[in-house]
Amino acid sequence: MTRRARPVTVDPPRSGTRIERVRVGPGPGQA
């Protein structure tokens, strides 16, 4: 799951806000 989240952020570099949300998502998700 985390591996897919990383490439997803690289796909839409235009949306910086979404990239931040994706990074915060997998963080607490694993915890």
N, C-alpha and C. Protein backbone atom coordinates (compact mmCIF):
# COMPACT_ATOMS: atom_id res chain seq x y z
N MET A 1 0.85 -1.21 0.00
CA MET A 1 0.00 0.00 0.00
C MET A 1 0.89 1.26 0.00
N THR A 2 1.89 1.29 0.86
CA THR A 2 2.75 2.48 0.94
C THR A 2 3.51 2.67 -0.37
N ARG A 3 3.91 1.58 -1.01
CA ARG A 3 4.67 1.69 -2.26
C ARG A 3 3.83 2.39 -3.33
N ARG A 4 2.55 2.08 -3.38
CA ARG A 4 1.70 2.71 -4.40
C ARG A 4 1.52 4.20 -4.08
N ALA A 5 1.50 4.55 -2.80
CA ALA A 5 1.27 5.95 -2.41
C ALA A 5 2.43 6.83 -2.89
N ARG A 6 3.66 6.30 -2.85
CA ARG A 6 4.81 7.10 -3.27
C ARG A 6 4.74 7.48 -4.74
N PRO A 7 4.53 6.54 -5.66
CA PRO A 7 4.45 6.87 -7.08
C PRO A 7 3.27 7.79 -7.38
N VAL A 8 2.20 7.67 -6.63
CA VAL A 8 1.02 8.52 -6.87
C VAL A 8 1.39 9.99 -6.69
N THR A 9 2.22 10.28 -5.69
CA THR A 9 2.62 11.67 -5.45
C THR A 9 3.47 12.17 -6.62
N VAL A 10 4.27 11.30 -7.20
CA VAL A 10 5.15 11.70 -8.32
C VAL A 10 4.31 11.97 -9.57
N ASP A 11 3.18 11.30 -9.71
CA ASP A 11 2.34 11.51 -10.90
C ASP A 11 1.80 12.94 -10.94
N PRO A 12 1.09 13.37 -9.91
CA PRO A 12 0.53 14.75 -9.93
C PRO A 12 1.42 15.74 -9.18
N PRO A 13 2.52 16.21 -9.79
CA PRO A 13 3.40 17.17 -9.12
C PRO A 13 2.77 18.56 -9.09
N ARG A 14 1.76 18.78 -9.90
CA ARG A 14 1.11 20.10 -9.95
C ARG A 14 0.32 20.37 -8.66
N SER A 15 -0.26 19.32 -8.10
CA SER A 15 -1.07 19.51 -6.88
C SER A 15 -0.18 19.29 -5.65
N GLY A 16 0.43 20.35 -5.15
CA GLY A 16 1.31 20.22 -3.98
C GLY A 16 0.52 19.87 -2.73
N THR A 17 -0.72 20.38 -2.65
CA THR A 17 -1.53 20.12 -1.46
C THR A 17 -1.83 18.63 -1.35
N ARG A 18 -2.14 18.00 -2.47
CA ARG A 18 -2.47 16.57 -2.43
C ARG A 18 -1.24 15.75 -2.04
N ILE A 19 -0.07 16.17 -2.50
CA ILE A 19 1.16 15.42 -2.17
C ILE A 19 1.36 15.42 -0.65
N GLU A 20 1.11 16.57 -0.01
CA GLU A 20 1.29 16.65 1.44
C GLU A 20 0.31 15.70 2.13
N ARG A 21 -0.93 15.67 1.66
CA ARG A 21 -1.94 14.81 2.29
C ARG A 21 -1.56 13.34 2.14
N VAL A 22 -1.03 12.99 0.97
CA VAL A 22 -0.65 11.58 0.73
C VAL A 22 0.48 11.18 1.66
N ARG A 23 1.43 12.09 1.87
CA ARG A 23 2.57 11.76 2.75
C ARG A 23 2.09 11.57 4.19
N VAL A 24 1.19 12.42 4.62
CA VAL A 24 0.67 12.32 5.99
C VAL A 24 -0.21 11.07 6.13
N GLY A 25 -0.83 10.65 5.03
CA GLY A 25 -1.72 9.48 5.08
C GLY A 25 -0.96 8.21 5.45
N PRO A 26 0.06 7.83 4.66
CA PRO A 26 0.79 6.58 4.93
C PRO A 26 1.54 6.64 6.26
N GLY A 27 1.88 7.83 6.74
CA GLY A 27 2.61 7.96 8.01
C GLY A 27 1.81 7.35 9.17
N PRO A 28 0.66 7.97 9.52
CA PRO A 28 -0.17 7.46 10.61
C PRO A 28 -0.82 6.13 10.25
N GLY A 29 -0.95 5.85 8.97
CA GLY A 29 -1.58 4.59 8.54
C GLY A 29 -0.77 3.40 9.03
N GLN A 30 0.56 3.47 8.89
CA GLN A 30 1.42 2.36 9.33
C GLN A 30 1.38 2.25 10.85
N ALA A 31 1.34 3.41 11.53
CA ALA A 31 1.35 3.41 13.00
C ALA A 31 0.04 2.78 13.49
